[in-house]
Amino acid sequence: MMCWLRAACVCTLAILPSACAQKSARALLAEPPRAADSFIATIEAMKHSVAPVICLDGDGPKSTIQDLEGTAFFISGTGDFLTAAHVIDGVQNHAHSCPVTAIYLPPDHWDPESSEELLAWYPFAVANCVVERGLDVARCNPLADLSLRKESFVIRPVDFEWSSQPDGTLIAFTGFPLESRDPLTSRGGIAAYRRRSPDNLDLIIDQAAWPGASGSPVYLSDGRVVGILLARGAGDGAGTAIVRPAQSLKRFLDAGQRVTETTSARTIRFLPPAVPQPQGVASPAASSARTATGPR
């Protein structure tokens, strides 16, 4: 009789899951779904707030991009932007001249998977930039009002978080390192705040920055910007990056004045534009990423 019961039990196990297996299955079904990564949507939104700082060899139909100097991010709907002061200095200190400084934007959306891309470029005058070298930050504005663009791609000025954040707070930064045609994003965390002088506060993040990322916004999962990326760590500090925190920028931003001129916007062509607006055409010397020597 006992043997028969064991046999029956074996047969039953072959047809139905054991009580332990059923409990395990119920436990799996009862597990809550994984929370969505809040940074994903924020990163996509931030791509509407950044643009590369570029140097063109002219503003005619045969113009080419000579260099991607760094990254800028918008602080107003008309197109005022912040970048690192050393990015602007780099434009002026090139061995070759930079006849036209500009930023560019897509007409609809960034398309990194495409081999060619139509992009509109908008010149700005370096002489009109307000530069604070003690903070290593510059505020510039395109010569055209970007709120009047007819393209569907809408720029989004950033919102700042003026207070210090706890160590370990997750952050991301989006920019155009390695002379990338389209924005790239890195993620990390806040390591610490450090005061270099009575007037200068540094924010250290535990993520290295690629060359060309200078000027990128560093932001929280909800998109609030906590600072502007300035440099990558070197030597024992390799694997980190230096950020000027938002609270150090507040007085500079509050004092900023927009310099306006009457001008038309320009375009850069990776493909023939469907709509001849803005005016002008340029083709880049290369659309692929190139290696640079350090953050600019």
Protein backbone atom coordinates (compact mmCIF):
# COMPACT_ATOMS: atom_id res chain seq x y z
CA MET A 1 0.00 0.00 0.00
CA MET A 2 2.82 2.36 0.86
CA CYS A 3 4.58 1.55 -2.37
CA TRP A 4 1.42 2.26 -4.32
CA LEU A 5 1.06 5.65 -2.68
CA ARG A 6 4.60 6.58 -3.68
CA ALA A 7 3.92 5.54 -7.23
CA ALA A 8 0.73 7.54 -7.29
CA CYS A 9 2.60 10.49 -5.94
CA VAL A 10 5.17 10.19 -8.70
CA CYS A 11 2.47 10.06 -11.32
CA THR A 12 0.78 13.08 -9.81
CA LEU A 13 4.02 15.03 -9.81
CA ALA A 14 4.43 14.25 -13.46
CA ILE A 15 1.07 15.86 -14.22
CA LEU A 16 0.69 18.70 -11.69
CA PRO A 17 3.28 21.01 -10.11
CA SER A 18 4.17 20.30 -6.51
CA ALA A 19 2.83 22.44 -3.70
CA CYS A 20 6.26 24.10 -3.45
CA ALA A 21 6.31 24.84 -7.16
CA GLN A 22 2.80 26.27 -7.00
CA LYS A 23 3.77 28.51 -4.11
CA SER A 24 6.87 29.65 -6.02
CA ALA A 25 4.77 30.43 -9.13
CA ARG A 26 2.29 32.42 -7.03
CA ALA A 27 5.18 34.34 -5.46
CA LEU A 28 6.53 35.22 -8.90
CA LEU A 29 3.13 36.39 -10.06
CA ALA A 30 2.74 38.47 -6.94
CA GLU A 31 6.00 40.39 -7.49
CA PRO A 32 5.32 44.03 -8.41
CA PRO A 33 6.48 45.15 -11.86
CA ARG A 34 9.82 46.90 -12.05
CA ALA A 35 9.57 50.66 -11.78
CA ALA A 36 10.15 52.53 -15.03
CA ASP A 37 13.49 54.31 -15.34
CA SER A 38 12.52 57.95 -14.86
CA PHE A 39 15.70 59.15 -16.53
CA ILE A 40 14.75 57.77 -19.97
CA ALA A 41 11.97 60.27 -20.67
CA THR A 42 13.99 63.08 -19.08
CA ILE A 43 16.98 62.38 -21.33
CA GLU A 44 14.77 62.51 -24.42
CA ALA A 45 13.32 65.83 -23.27
CA MET A 46 16.78 67.22 -22.55
CA LYS A 47 17.75 66.67 -26.18
CA HIS A 48 15.52 69.67 -26.89
CA SER A 49 17.68 71.81 -24.61
CA VAL A 50 21.17 71.21 -26.01
CA ALA A 51 23.11 72.15 -29.12
CA PRO A 52 26.75 71.89 -30.24
CA VAL A 53 28.98 74.95 -30.52
CA ILE A 54 30.54 74.79 -33.99
CA CYS A 55 33.03 76.66 -36.13
CA LEU A 56 32.25 77.13 -39.83
CA ASP A 57 34.67 78.27 -42.51
CA GLY A 58 32.07 80.65 -43.96
CA ASP A 59 28.35 81.26 -44.40
CA GLY A 60 27.95 80.49 -48.10
CA PRO A 61 26.59 77.41 -49.87
CA LYS A 62 30.06 75.78 -49.88
CA SER A 63 30.65 76.24 -46.15
CA THR A 64 31.90 73.33 -44.04
CA ILE A 65 32.16 72.64 -40.34
CA GLN A 66 35.75 73.02 -39.19
CA ASP A 67 35.27 71.98 -35.56
CA LEU A 68 32.70 71.05 -32.96
CA GLU A 69 33.98 73.06 -30.01
CA GLY A 70 31.75 71.91 -27.17
CA THR A 71 28.19 71.89 -25.89
CA ALA A 72 25.63 74.58 -25.06
CA PHE A 73 22.23 74.44 -23.38
CA PHE A 74 19.32 76.84 -23.63
CA ILE A 75 18.23 79.12 -20.80
CA SER A 76 15.53 81.06 -22.68
CA GLY A 77 12.93 80.41 -25.33
CA THR A 78 14.60 82.90 -27.67
CA GLY A 79 17.78 80.84 -27.72
CA ASP A 80 20.08 82.35 -25.06
CA PHE A 81 22.46 79.59 -24.04
CA LEU A 82 25.20 78.75 -21.57
CA THR A 83 28.47 77.05 -22.35
CA ALA A 84 31.90 76.86 -20.75
CA ALA A 85 34.05 79.98 -21.07
CA HIS A 86 36.95 77.87 -22.31
CA VAL A 87 34.76 76.65 -25.19
CA ILE A 88 34.38 80.26 -26.34
CA ASP A 89 38.09 80.92 -25.74
CA GLY A 90 38.86 77.84 -27.83
CA VAL A 91 36.98 79.32 -30.78
CA GLN A 92 39.12 82.45 -30.59
CA ASN A 93 42.44 80.72 -29.99
CA HIS A 94 42.42 78.26 -32.89
CA ALA A 95 45.47 78.04 -35.09
CA HIS A 96 43.05 78.55 -37.98
CA SER A 97 40.47 81.32 -38.12
CA CYS A 98 36.81 80.73 -37.34
CA PRO A 99 34.82 83.02 -39.62
CA VAL A 100 31.43 81.87 -38.31
CA THR A 101 30.53 80.56 -34.86
CA ALA A 102 27.15 78.88 -34.60
CA ILE A 103 24.96 76.22 -33.04
CA TYR A 104 22.80 73.79 -34.97
CA LEU A 105 19.45 72.04 -34.41
CA PRO A 106 17.39 69.44 -36.26
CA PRO A 107 14.20 70.56 -38.01
CA ASP A 108 12.17 67.74 -36.43
CA HIS A 109 14.21 65.41 -34.20
CA TRP A 110 17.75 64.13 -33.72
CA ASP A 111 18.33 61.10 -35.92
CA PRO A 112 21.59 59.40 -34.86
CA GLU A 113 20.79 56.20 -36.75
CA SER A 114 20.74 58.02 -40.08
CA SER A 115 23.93 58.33 -42.10
CA GLU A 116 22.89 61.83 -43.18
CA GLU A 117 20.89 64.47 -41.39
CA LEU A 118 19.39 67.85 -42.26
CA LEU A 119 20.29 70.40 -39.59
CA ALA A 120 19.64 74.14 -39.31
CA TRP A 121 22.46 76.31 -37.98
CA TYR A 122 22.25 79.68 -36.28
CA PRO A 123 25.24 82.01 -35.96
CA PHE A 124 26.17 83.90 -32.83
CA ALA A 125 28.78 86.60 -32.25
CA VAL A 126 31.51 85.72 -29.78
CA ALA A 127 31.87 89.45 -29.07
CA ASN A 128 28.29 89.44 -27.74
CA CYS A 129 28.92 86.63 -25.25
CA VAL A 130 29.10 87.56 -21.59
CA VAL A 131 32.06 85.61 -20.18
CA GLU A 132 32.95 85.02 -16.53
CA ARG A 133 36.30 83.25 -16.51
CA GLY A 134 36.37 82.95 -12.74
CA LEU A 135 33.36 80.63 -13.05
CA ASP A 136 34.44 79.32 -16.48
CA VAL A 137 31.01 80.04 -17.92
CA ALA A 138 29.73 82.09 -20.85
CA ARG A 139 26.26 83.27 -21.81
CA CYS A 140 25.66 83.81 -25.54
CA ASN A 141 22.70 84.29 -27.84
CA PRO A 142 22.07 83.49 -31.52
CA LEU A 143 21.67 86.47 -33.78
CA ALA A 144 18.19 85.17 -34.67
CA ASP A 145 15.28 84.70 -32.27
CA LEU A 146 14.91 80.92 -32.11
CA SER A 147 11.33 81.19 -30.85
CA LEU A 148 10.43 82.26 -34.40
CA ARG A 149 11.76 79.07 -36.02
CA LYS A 150 9.26 77.44 -38.38
CA GLU A 151 10.65 73.93 -37.85
CA SER A 152 8.69 71.55 -35.62
CA PHE A 153 11.66 70.96 -33.30
CA VAL A 154 11.02 73.22 -30.31
CA ILE A 155 13.83 74.25 -28.00
CA ARG A 156 13.19 73.92 -24.27
CA PRO A 157 15.00 76.21 -21.85
CA VAL A 158 16.14 74.33 -18.77
CA ASP A 159 14.95 74.75 -15.20
CA PHE A 160 17.62 75.02 -12.51
CA GLU A 161 17.85 73.42 -9.10
CA TRP A 162 19.59 76.04 -6.97
CA SER A 163 20.25 73.94 -3.87
CA SER A 164 22.99 71.38 -3.20
CA GLN A 165 21.97 67.74 -3.58
CA PRO A 166 22.94 64.86 -1.29
CA ASP A 167 26.02 62.79 -2.11
CA GLY A 168 24.98 59.76 -4.16
CA THR A 169 22.15 61.57 -5.97
CA LEU A 170 21.85 60.21 -9.51
CA ILE A 171 22.54 62.60 -12.37
CA ALA A 172 22.96 62.59 -16.14
CA PHE A 173 24.62 64.93 -18.61
CA THR A 174 23.88 65.30 -22.32
CA GLY A 175 26.11 66.93 -24.89
CA PHE A 176 28.22 66.51 -28.03
CA PRO A 177 31.49 64.91 -26.95
CA LEU A 178 33.99 63.41 -29.38
CA GLU A 179 32.55 65.78 -32.02
CA SER A 180 29.44 63.65 -32.25
CA ARG A 181 26.85 64.91 -34.69
CA ASP A 182 23.99 63.98 -32.33
CA PRO A 183 23.68 64.28 -28.55
CA LEU A 184 25.19 61.63 -26.27
CA THR A 185 24.25 61.03 -22.64
CA SER A 186 26.25 59.74 -19.67
CA ARG A 187 24.93 58.90 -16.23
CA GLY A 188 26.54 58.91 -12.81
CA GLY A 189 26.14 60.24 -9.32
CA ILE A 190 27.09 63.20 -7.16
CA ALA A 191 30.30 62.42 -5.28
CA ALA A 192 30.66 65.66 -3.28
CA TYR A 193 30.64 69.44 -3.31
CA ARG A 194 33.99 71.14 -2.71
CA ARG A 195 34.75 74.85 -2.26
CA ARG A 196 37.91 75.93 -4.08
CA SER A 197 37.65 79.56 -2.97
CA PRO A 198 35.14 81.83 -1.20
CA ASP A 199 33.50 82.52 -4.57
CA ASN A 200 33.85 79.17 -6.34
CA LEU A 201 32.13 75.91 -5.49
CA ASP A 202 32.83 72.71 -7.41
CA LEU A 203 30.52 69.77 -7.81
CA ILE A 204 32.34 66.46 -8.30
CA ILE A 205 30.54 63.64 -10.12
CA ASP A 206 31.68 60.03 -10.31
CA GLN A 207 31.48 59.77 -14.09
CA ALA A 208 34.25 60.69 -16.51
CA ALA A 209 33.47 63.21 -19.24
CA TRP A 210 34.49 62.68 -22.85
CA PRO A 211 36.37 65.38 -24.78
CA GLY A 212 33.91 67.93 -26.12
CA ALA A 213 31.39 67.53 -23.29
CA SER A 214 32.31 70.87 -21.72
CA GLY A 215 29.23 73.05 -21.42
CA SER A 216 26.82 70.13 -21.03
CA PRO A 217 23.95 70.47 -18.54
CA VAL A 218 24.15 68.13 -15.54
CA TYR A 219 20.65 67.29 -14.39
CA LEU A 220 18.46 65.24 -12.07
CA SER A 221 15.92 62.58 -13.03
CA ASP A 222 13.18 65.24 -13.26
CA GLY A 223 15.27 67.42 -15.60
CA ARG A 224 16.27 70.15 -13.15
CA VAL A 225 19.80 71.29 -13.95
CA VAL A 226 22.24 71.21 -11.03
CA GLY A 227 25.25 72.55 -12.92
CA ILE A 228 27.33 72.90 -16.07
CA LEU A 229 30.07 70.41 -16.92
CA LEU A 230 33.53 71.98 -17.13
CA ALA A 231 36.29 69.38 -17.05
CA ARG A 232 37.19 65.76 -16.56
CA GLY A 233 39.37 64.55 -13.73
CA ALA A 234 43.01 63.73 -14.43
CA GLY A 235 45.61 61.60 -12.69
CA ASP A 236 44.24 60.26 -9.43
CA GLY A 237 40.95 61.98 -10.29
CA ALA A 238 40.47 60.05 -13.54
CA GLY A 239 36.94 58.70 -13.77
CA THR A 240 35.42 61.86 -12.32
CA ALA A 241 34.30 65.19 -13.76
CA ILE A 242 34.12 68.76 -12.46
CA VAL A 243 30.85 70.69 -12.59
CA ARG A 244 30.08 74.32 -11.74
CA PRO A 245 26.95 73.99 -9.58
CA ALA A 246 23.84 76.00 -10.31
CA GLN A 247 23.99 78.01 -7.08
CA SER A 248 27.36 79.43 -8.20
CA LEU A 249 25.78 80.52 -11.50
CA LYS A 250 22.73 82.30 -10.11
CA ARG A 251 24.22 85.78 -9.72
CA PHE A 252 25.82 85.54 -13.15
CA LEU A 253 22.51 84.50 -14.73
CA ASP A 254 20.50 87.15 -12.91
CA ALA A 255 22.85 89.83 -14.26
CA GLY A 256 22.74 88.58 -17.85
CA GLN A 257 21.49 90.85 -20.61
CA ARG A 258 20.52 89.67 -24.09
CA VAL A 259 22.33 91.42 -26.95
CA THR A 260 20.13 91.61 -30.02
CA GLU A 261 20.91 92.24 -33.68
CA THR A 262 18.85 92.14 -36.83
CA THR A 263 19.84 89.06 -38.79
CA SER A 264 18.44 85.98 -40.47
CA ALA A 265 19.04 82.40 -39.41
CA ARG A 266 21.13 80.00 -41.48
CA THR A 267 21.00 76.32 -42.30
CA ILE A 268 23.40 73.45 -42.47
CA ARG A 269 22.66 70.72 -44.97
CA PHE A 270 23.34 67.05 -44.51
CA LEU A 271 20.51 66.42 -47.00
CA PRO A 272 18.67 68.87 -49.28
CA PRO A 273 16.18 70.75 -47.08
CA ALA A 274 12.51 70.13 -47.71
CA VAL A 275 11.73 73.73 -46.75
CA PRO A 276 14.22 76.51 -47.59
CA GLN A 277 14.02 78.01 -44.11
CA PRO A 278 16.26 79.14 -42.46
CA GLN A 279 18.33 80.41 -45.39
CA GLY A 280 21.81 79.40 -46.47
CA VAL A 281 23.40 76.00 -46.84
CA ALA A 282 26.53 74.35 -45.54
CA SER A 283 27.84 70.82 -45.64
CA PRO A 284 30.00 69.47 -42.83
CA ALA A 285 33.48 68.26 -43.46
CA ALA A 286 32.60 65.06 -41.58
CA SER A 287 29.52 63.83 -39.78
CA SER A 288 31.19 61.01 -37.87
CA ALA A 289 32.70 61.42 -34.41
CA ARG A 290 36.37 62.36 -34.20
CA THR A 291 38.75 62.00 -31.28
CA ALA A 292 39.68 65.19 -29.42
CA THR A 293 42.43 65.77 -26.88
CA GLY A 294 40.31 66.87 -23.93
CA PRO A 295 37.08 68.53 -22.82
CA ARG A 296 36.67 71.92 -24.41
